[in-house]
Amino acid sequence: MSMLPNYILAFIFIVFLIYSFINIKIEKAKVSNGCLYGIGILIAILLLGMSIYGIIFNIPLGQVQMLIENSFK
């Protein structure tokens, strides 16, 4: 049950990234603040990577965050 948030977050981030790709590349939507939108996409990619890492190695998301924080100390 502790792995359920990883799957939920991975699904949410994949949907967000697909929606963003469709709006920007296919429909040629204009973004009012491209810098903030780009930061949002980068954060979504980072969190998606964390979720997938947790799913692959069967680690809850909080422990994945702790591993990343400890690698920078």
PDB file of N, CA and C in Angstrom:
ATOM      1  N   MET A   1       0.818  -1.206   0.000  1.00  0.00           N
ATOM      2  CA  MET A   1       0.000   0.000   0.000  1.00  0.00           C
ATOM      3  C   MET A   1       0.860   1.267   0.000  1.00  0.00           C
ATOM      4  N   SER A   2       2.111   1.153   0.464  1.00  0.00           N
ATOM      5  CA  SER A   2       2.950   2.347   0.501  1.00  0.00           C
ATOM      6  C   SER A   2       3.417   2.758  -0.887  1.00  0.00           C
ATOM      7  N   MET A   3       3.274   1.879  -1.866  1.00  0.00           N
ATOM      8  CA  MET A   3       3.709   2.194  -3.227  1.00  0.00           C
ATOM      9  C   MET A   3       2.611   2.869  -4.042  1.00  0.00           C
ATOM     10  N   LEU A   4       1.406   2.894  -3.538  1.00  0.00           N
ATOM     11  CA  LEU A   4       0.291   3.474  -4.287  1.00  0.00           C
ATOM     12  C   LEU A   4       0.519   4.941  -4.658  1.00  0.00           C
ATOM     13  N   PRO A   5       1.057   5.798  -3.761  1.00  0.00           N
ATOM     14  CA  PRO A   5       1.311   7.188  -4.180  1.00  0.00           C
ATOM     15  C   PRO A   5       2.282   7.303  -5.345  1.00  0.00           C
ATOM     16  N   ASN A   6       3.251   6.392  -5.434  1.00  0.00           N
ATOM     17  CA  ASN A   6       4.178   6.439  -6.574  1.00  0.00           C
ATOM     18  C   ASN A   6       3.441   6.234  -7.889  1.00  0.00           C
ATOM     19  N   TYR A   7       2.539   5.260  -7.922  1.00  0.00           N
ATOM     20  CA  TYR A   7       1.780   4.995  -9.147  1.00  0.00           C
ATOM     21  C   TYR A   7       0.842   6.152  -9.476  1.00  0.00           C
ATOM     22  N   ILE A   8       0.192   6.697  -8.455  1.00  0.00           N
ATOM     23  CA  ILE A   8      -0.741   7.809  -8.675  1.00  0.00           C
ATOM     24  C   ILE A   8      -0.003   9.032  -9.194  1.00  0.00           C
ATOM     25  N   LEU A   9       1.111   9.385  -8.555  1.00  0.00           N
ATOM     26  CA  LEU A   9       1.872  10.550  -9.000  1.00  0.00           C
ATOM     27  C   LEU A   9       2.461  10.343 -10.387  1.00  0.00           C
ATOM     28  N   ALA A  10       2.945   9.147 -10.671  1.00  0.00           N
ATOM     29  CA  ALA A  10       3.487   8.882 -12.004  1.00  0.00           C
ATOM     30  C   ALA A  10       2.405   9.067 -13.064  1.00  0.00           C
ATOM     31  N   PHE A  11       1.205   8.578 -12.787  1.00  0.00           N
ATOM     32  CA  PHE A  11       0.094   8.739 -13.733  1.00  0.00           C
ATOM     33  C   PHE A  11      -0.256  10.209 -13.927  1.00  0.00           C
ATOM     34  N   ILE A  12      -0.324  10.967 -12.839  1.00  0.00           N
ATOM     35  CA  ILE A  12      -0.669  12.396 -12.923  1.00  0.00           C
ATOM     36  C   ILE A  12       0.381  13.157 -13.731  1.00  0.00           C
ATOM     37  N   PHE A  13       1.662  12.891 -13.486  1.00  0.00           N
ATOM     38  CA  PHE A  13       2.712  13.609 -14.198  1.00  0.00           C
ATOM     39  C   PHE A  13       2.758  13.225 -15.674  1.00  0.00           C
ATOM     40  N   ILE A  14       2.503  11.953 -15.983  1.00  0.00           N
ATOM     41  CA  ILE A  14       2.464  11.542 -17.388  1.00  0.00           C
ATOM     42  C   ILE A  14       1.318  12.237 -18.115  1.00  0.00           C
ATOM     43  N   VAL A  15       0.155  12.300 -17.477  1.00  0.00           N
ATOM     44  CA  VAL A  15      -0.994  12.989 -18.088  1.00  0.00           C
ATOM     45  C   VAL A  15      -0.682  14.466 -18.293  1.00  0.00           C
ATOM     46  N   PHE A  16      -0.062  15.116 -17.301  1.00  0.00           N
ATOM     47  CA  PHE A  16       0.288  16.534 -17.419  1.00  0.00           C
ATOM     48  C   PHE A  16       1.273  16.764 -18.558  1.00  0.00           C
ATOM     49  N   LEU A  17       2.288  15.912 -18.664  1.00  0.00           N
ATOM     50  CA  LEU A  17       3.279  16.100 -19.723  1.00  0.00           C
ATOM     51  C   LEU A  17       2.691  15.842 -21.106  1.00  0.00           C
ATOM     52  N   ILE A  18       1.821  14.855 -21.233  1.00  0.00           N
ATOM     53  CA  ILE A  18       1.162  14.601 -22.522  1.00  0.00           C
ATOM     54  C   ILE A  18       0.252  15.768 -22.886  1.00  0.00           C
ATOM     55  N   TYR A  19      -0.506  16.282 -21.905  1.00  0.00           N
ATOM     56  CA  TYR A  19      -1.381  17.432 -22.145  1.00  0.00           C
ATOM     57  C   TYR A  19      -0.564  18.652 -22.568  1.00  0.00           C
ATOM     58  N   SER A  20       0.568  18.881 -21.902  1.00  0.00           N
ATOM     59  CA  SER A  20       1.421  20.009 -22.258  1.00  0.00           C
ATOM     60  C   SER A  20       1.984  19.853 -23.658  1.00  0.00           C
ATOM     61  N   PHE A  21       2.425  18.650 -24.000  1.00  0.00           N
ATOM     62  CA  PHE A  21       2.968  18.414 -25.337  1.00  0.00           C
ATOM     63  C   PHE A  21       1.915  18.661 -26.408  1.00  0.00           C
ATOM     64  N   ILE A  22       0.698  18.169 -26.165  1.00  0.00           N
ATOM     65  CA  ILE A  22      -0.374  18.355 -27.152  1.00  0.00           C
ATOM     66  C   ILE A  22      -0.697  19.832 -27.311  1.00  0.00           C
ATOM     67  N   ASN A  23      -0.790  20.562 -26.216  1.00  0.00           N
ATOM     68  CA  ASN A  23      -1.129  21.985 -26.306  1.00  0.00           C
ATOM     69  C   ASN A  23      -0.040  22.804 -26.985  1.00  0.00           C
ATOM     70  N   ILE A  24       1.197  22.552 -26.670  1.00  0.00           N
ATOM     71  CA  ILE A  24       2.273  23.394 -27.184  1.00  0.00           C
ATOM     72  C   ILE A  24       2.684  22.999 -28.601  1.00  0.00           C
ATOM     73  N   LYS A  25       2.881  21.712 -28.845  1.00  0.00           N
ATOM     74  CA  LYS A  25       3.423  21.282 -30.141  1.00  0.00           C
ATOM     75  C   LYS A  25       2.358  21.071 -31.206  1.00  0.00           C
ATOM     76  N   ILE A  26       1.248  20.440 -30.843  1.00  0.00           N
ATOM     77  CA  ILE A  26       0.265  20.081 -31.851  1.00  0.00           C
ATOM     78  C   ILE A  26      -0.728  21.221 -32.093  1.00  0.00           C
ATOM     79  N   GLU A  27      -1.270  21.793 -31.001  1.00  0.00           N
ATOM     80  CA  GLU A  27      -2.264  22.858 -31.163  1.00  0.00           C
ATOM     81  C   GLU A  27      -1.642  24.243 -31.255  1.00  0.00           C
ATOM     82  N   LYS A  28      -0.319  24.340 -31.075  1.00  0.00           N
ATOM     83  CA  LYS A  28       0.417  25.604 -31.145  1.00  0.00           C
ATOM     84  C   LYS A  28      -0.167  26.662 -30.205  1.00  0.00           C
ATOM     85  N   ALA A  29      -0.491  26.252 -28.985  1.00  0.00           N
ATOM     86  CA  ALA A  29      -1.049  27.180 -28.004  1.00  0.00           C
ATOM     87  C   ALA A  29       0.033  28.150 -27.545  1.00  0.00           C
ATOM     88  N   LYS A  30      -0.378  29.374 -27.295  1.00  0.00           N
ATOM     89  CA  LYS A  30       0.535  30.394 -26.792  1.00  0.00           C
ATOM     90  C   LYS A  30       0.503  30.370 -25.269  1.00  0.00           C
ATOM     91  N   VAL A  31       1.689  30.326 -24.674  1.00  0.00           N
ATOM     92  CA  VAL A  31       1.807  30.314 -23.222  1.00  0.00           C
ATOM     93  C   VAL A  31       2.137  31.730 -22.780  1.00  0.00           C
ATOM     94  N   SER A  32       1.370  32.245 -21.797  1.00  0.00           N
ATOM     95  CA  SER A  32       1.570  33.633 -21.381  1.00  0.00           C
ATOM     96  C   SER A  32       2.892  33.826 -20.651  1.00  0.00           C
ATOM     97  N   ASN A  33       3.300  32.874 -19.837  1.00  0.00           N
ATOM     98  CA  ASN A  33       4.577  32.974 -19.152  1.00  0.00           C
ATOM     99  C   ASN A  33       5.351  31.683 -19.387  1.00  0.00           C
ATOM    100  N   GLY A  34       6.151  31.676 -20.413  1.00  0.00           N
ATOM    101  CA  GLY A  34       6.866  30.479 -20.825  1.00  0.00           C
ATOM    102  C   GLY A  34       7.886  29.998 -19.810  1.00  0.00           C
ATOM    103  N   CYS A  35       8.490  30.933 -19.078  1.00  0.00           N
ATOM    104  CA  CYS A  35       9.498  30.552 -18.091  1.00  0.00           C
ATOM    105  C   CYS A  35       8.874  29.730 -16.975  1.00  0.00           C
ATOM    106  N   LEU A  36       7.768  30.196 -16.435  1.00  0.00           N
ATOM    107  CA  LEU A  36       7.097  29.455 -15.364  1.00  0.00           C
ATOM    108  C   LEU A  36       6.553  28.127 -15.866  1.00  0.00           C
ATOM    109  N   TYR A  37       6.050  28.111 -17.073  1.00  0.00           N
ATOM    110  CA  TYR A  37       5.539  26.866 -17.650  1.00  0.00           C
ATOM    111  C   TYR A  37       6.667  25.869 -17.841  1.00  0.00           C
ATOM    112  N   GLY A  38       7.835  26.350 -18.284  1.00  0.00           N
ATOM    113  CA  GLY A  38       8.999  25.486 -18.440  1.00  0.00           C
ATOM    114  C   GLY A  38       9.474  24.928 -17.107  1.00  0.00           C
ATOM    115  N   ILE A  39       9.463  25.763 -16.074  1.00  0.00           N
ATOM    116  CA  ILE A  39       9.837  25.292 -14.738  1.00  0.00           C
ATOM    117  C   ILE A  39       8.860  24.230 -14.263  1.00  0.00           C
ATOM    118  N   GLY A  40       7.570  24.420 -14.530  1.00  0.00           N
ATOM    119  CA  GLY A  40       6.572  23.417 -14.157  1.00  0.00           C
ATOM    120  C   GLY A  40       6.793  22.094 -14.860  1.00  0.00           C
ATOM    121  N   ILE A  41       7.170  22.152 -16.124  1.00  0.00           N
ATOM    122  CA  ILE A  41       7.443  20.925 -16.874  1.00  0.00           C
ATOM    123  C   ILE A  41       8.696  20.235 -16.334  1.00  0.00           C
ATOM    124  N   LEU A  42       9.735  21.006 -16.006  1.00  0.00           N
ATOM    125  CA  LEU A  42      10.951  20.416 -15.448  1.00  0.00           C
ATOM    126  C   LEU A  42      10.686  19.753 -14.097  1.00  0.00           C
ATOM    127  N   ILE A  43       9.873  20.391 -13.256  1.00  0.00           N
ATOM    128  CA  ILE A  43       9.524  19.809 -11.960  1.00  0.00           C
ATOM    129  C   ILE A  43       8.717  18.533 -12.159  1.00  0.00           C
ATOM    130  N   ALA A  44       7.792  18.545 -13.125  1.00  0.00           N
ATOM    131  CA  ALA A  44       7.005  17.340 -13.401  1.00  0.00           C
ATOM    132  C   ALA A  44       7.895  16.195 -13.867  1.00  0.00           C
ATOM    133  N   ILE A  45       8.892  16.490 -14.700  1.00  0.00           N
ATOM    134  CA  ILE A  45       9.815  15.453 -15.166  1.00  0.00           C
ATOM    135  C   ILE A  45      10.643  14.924 -14.002  1.00  0.00           C
ATOM    136  N   LEU A  46      11.112  15.812 -13.129  1.00  0.00           N
ATOM    137  CA  LEU A  46      11.880  15.387 -11.966  1.00  0.00           C
ATOM    138  C   LEU A  46      11.054  14.487 -11.051  1.00  0.00           C
ATOM    139  N   LEU A  47       9.832  14.895 -10.750  1.00  0.00           N
ATOM    140  CA  LEU A  47       8.985  14.089  -9.875  1.00  0.00           C
ATOM    141  C   LEU A  47       8.560  12.781 -10.534  1.00  0.00           C
ATOM    142  N   LEU A  48       8.382  12.793 -11.850  1.00  0.00           N
ATOM    143  CA  LEU A  48       8.082  11.549 -12.563  1.00  0.00           C
ATOM    144  C   LEU A  48       9.259  10.585 -12.455  1.00  0.00           C
ATOM    145  N   GLY A  49      10.457  11.109 -12.600  1.00  0.00           N
ATOM    146  CA  GLY A  49      11.642  10.274 -12.446  1.00  0.00           C
ATOM    147  C   GLY A  49      11.756   9.695 -11.047  1.00  0.00           C
ATOM    148  N   MET A  50      11.457  10.515 -10.042  1.00  0.00           N
ATOM    149  CA  MET A  50      11.482  10.023  -8.666  1.00  0.00           C
ATOM    150  C   MET A  50      10.442   8.929  -8.451  1.00  0.00           C
ATOM    151  N   SER A  51       9.259   9.112  -9.008  1.00  0.00           N
ATOM    152  CA  SER A  51       8.203   8.109  -8.862  1.00  0.00           C
ATOM    153  C   SER A  51       8.581   6.805  -9.550  1.00  0.00           C
ATOM    154  N   ILE A  52       9.122   6.899 -10.752  1.00  0.00           N
ATOM    155  CA  ILE A  52       9.520   5.696 -11.482  1.00  0.00           C
ATOM    156  C   ILE A  52      10.666   4.983 -10.764  1.00  0.00           C
ATOM    157  N   TYR A  53      11.617   5.745 -10.215  1.00  0.00           N
ATOM    158  CA  TYR A  53      12.707   5.143  -9.444  1.00  0.00           C
ATOM    159  C   TYR A  53      12.153   4.397  -8.234  1.00  0.00           C
ATOM    160  N   GLY A  54      11.185   5.006  -7.556  1.00  0.00           N
ATOM    161  CA  GLY A  54      10.564   4.348  -6.412  1.00  0.00           C
ATOM    162  C   GLY A  54       9.795   3.100  -6.800  1.00  0.00           C
ATOM    163  N   ILE A  55       9.148   3.129  -7.956  1.00  0.00           N
ATOM    164  CA  ILE A  55       8.403   1.958  -8.424  1.00  0.00           C
ATOM    165  C   ILE A  55       9.367   0.826  -8.779  1.00  0.00           C
ATOM    166  N   ILE A  56      10.454   1.152  -9.479  1.00  0.00           N
ATOM    167  CA  ILE A  56      11.404   0.122  -9.910  1.00  0.00           C
ATOM    168  C   ILE A  56      12.077  -0.544  -8.714  1.00  0.00           C
ATOM    169  N   PHE A  57      12.529   0.257  -7.748  1.00  0.00           N
ATOM    170  CA  PHE A  57      13.270  -0.283  -6.618  1.00  0.00           C
ATOM    171  C   PHE A  57      12.400  -0.521  -5.385  1.00  0.00           C
ATOM    172  N   ASN A  58      11.079  -0.371  -5.528  1.00  0.00           N
ATOM    173  CA  ASN A  58      10.124  -0.647  -4.460  1.00  0.00           C
ATOM    174  C   ASN A  58      10.426   0.183  -3.211  1.00  0.00           C
ATOM    175  N   ILE A  59      10.617   1.483  -3.425  1.00  0.00           N
ATOM    176  CA  ILE A  59      10.924   2.424  -2.353  1.00  0.00           C
ATOM    177  C   ILE A  59       9.815   3.473  -2.311  1.00  0.00           C
ATOM    178  N   PRO A  60       9.297   3.809  -1.122  1.00  0.00           N
ATOM    179  CA  PRO A  60       8.318   4.903  -1.038  1.00  0.00           C
ATOM    180  C   PRO A  60       8.935   6.234  -1.460  1.00  0.00           C
ATOM    181  N   LEU A  61       8.104   7.152  -1.888  1.00  0.00           N
ATOM    182  CA  LEU A  61       8.570   8.420  -2.451  1.00  0.00           C
ATOM    183  C   LEU A  61       9.361   9.245  -1.433  1.00  0.00           C
ATOM    184  N   GLY A  62       8.992   9.182  -0.170  1.00  0.00           N
ATOM    185  CA  GLY A  62       9.720   9.923   0.854  1.00  0.00           C
ATOM    186  C   GLY A  62      11.158   9.450   1.001  1.00  0.00           C
ATOM    187  N   GLN A  63      11.367   8.141   0.863  1.00  0.00           N
ATOM    188  CA  GLN A  63      12.732   7.621   0.953  1.00  0.00           C
ATOM    189  C   GLN A  63      13.550   7.963  -0.283  1.00  0.00           C
ATOM    190  N   VAL A  64      12.899   8.049  -1.429  1.00  0.00           N
ATOM    191  CA  VAL A  64      13.607   8.479  -2.650  1.00  0.00           C
ATOM    192  C   VAL A  64      14.083   9.912  -2.469  1.00  0.00           C
ATOM    193  N   GLN A  65      13.231  10.760  -1.911  1.00  0.00           N
ATOM    194  CA  GLN A  65      13.617  12.149  -1.651  1.00  0.00           C
ATOM    195  C   GLN A  65      14.784  12.197  -0.671  1.00  0.00           C
ATOM    196  N   MET A  66      14.754  11.361   0.367  1.00  0.00           N
ATOM    197  CA  MET A  66      15.826  11.337   1.346  1.00  0.00           C
ATOM    198  C   MET A  66      17.142  10.887   0.704  1.00  0.00           C
ATOM    199  N   LEU A  67      17.088   9.907  -0.210  1.00  0.00           N
ATOM    200  CA  LEU A  67      18.293   9.471  -0.904  1.00  0.00           C
ATOM    201  C   LEU A  67      18.911  10.598  -1.728  1.00  0.00           C
ATOM    202  N   ILE A  68      18.050  11.349  -2.409  1.00  0.00           N
ATOM    203  CA  ILE A  68      18.536  12.474  -3.226  1.00  0.00           C
ATOM    204  C   ILE A  68      19.145  13.553  -2.338  1.00  0.00           C
ATOM    205  N   GLU A  69      18.468  13.873  -1.227  1.00  0.00           N
ATOM    206  CA  GLU A  69      19.001  14.903  -0.322  1.00  0.00           C
ATOM    207  C   GLU A  69      20.330  14.476   0.280  1.00  0.00           C
ATOM    208  N   ASN A  70      20.453  13.219   0.650  1.00  0.00           N
ATOM    209  CA  ASN A  70      21.702  12.742   1.257  1.00  0.00           C
ATOM    210  C   ASN A  70      22.850  12.694   0.255  1.00  0.00           C
ATOM    211  N   SER A  71      22.553  12.573  -1.018  1.00  0.00           N
ATOM    212  CA  SER A  71      23.629  12.540  -2.013  1.00  0.00           C
ATOM    213  C   SER A  71      24.253  13.924  -2.215  1.00  0.00           C
ATOM    214  N   PHE A  72      23.569  14.989  -1.801  1.00  0.00           N
ATOM    215  CA  PHE A  72      24.095  16.337  -1.954  1.00  0.00           C
ATOM    216  C   PHE A  72      24.797  16.831  -0.691  1.00  0.00           C
ATOM    217  N   LYS A  73      24.806  16.041   0.365  1.00  0.00           N
ATOM    218  CA  LYS A  73      25.455  16.486   1.612  1.00  0.00           C
ATOM    219  C   LYS A  73      26.925  16.171   1.600  1.00  0.00           C
TER     220      LYS A  73
END
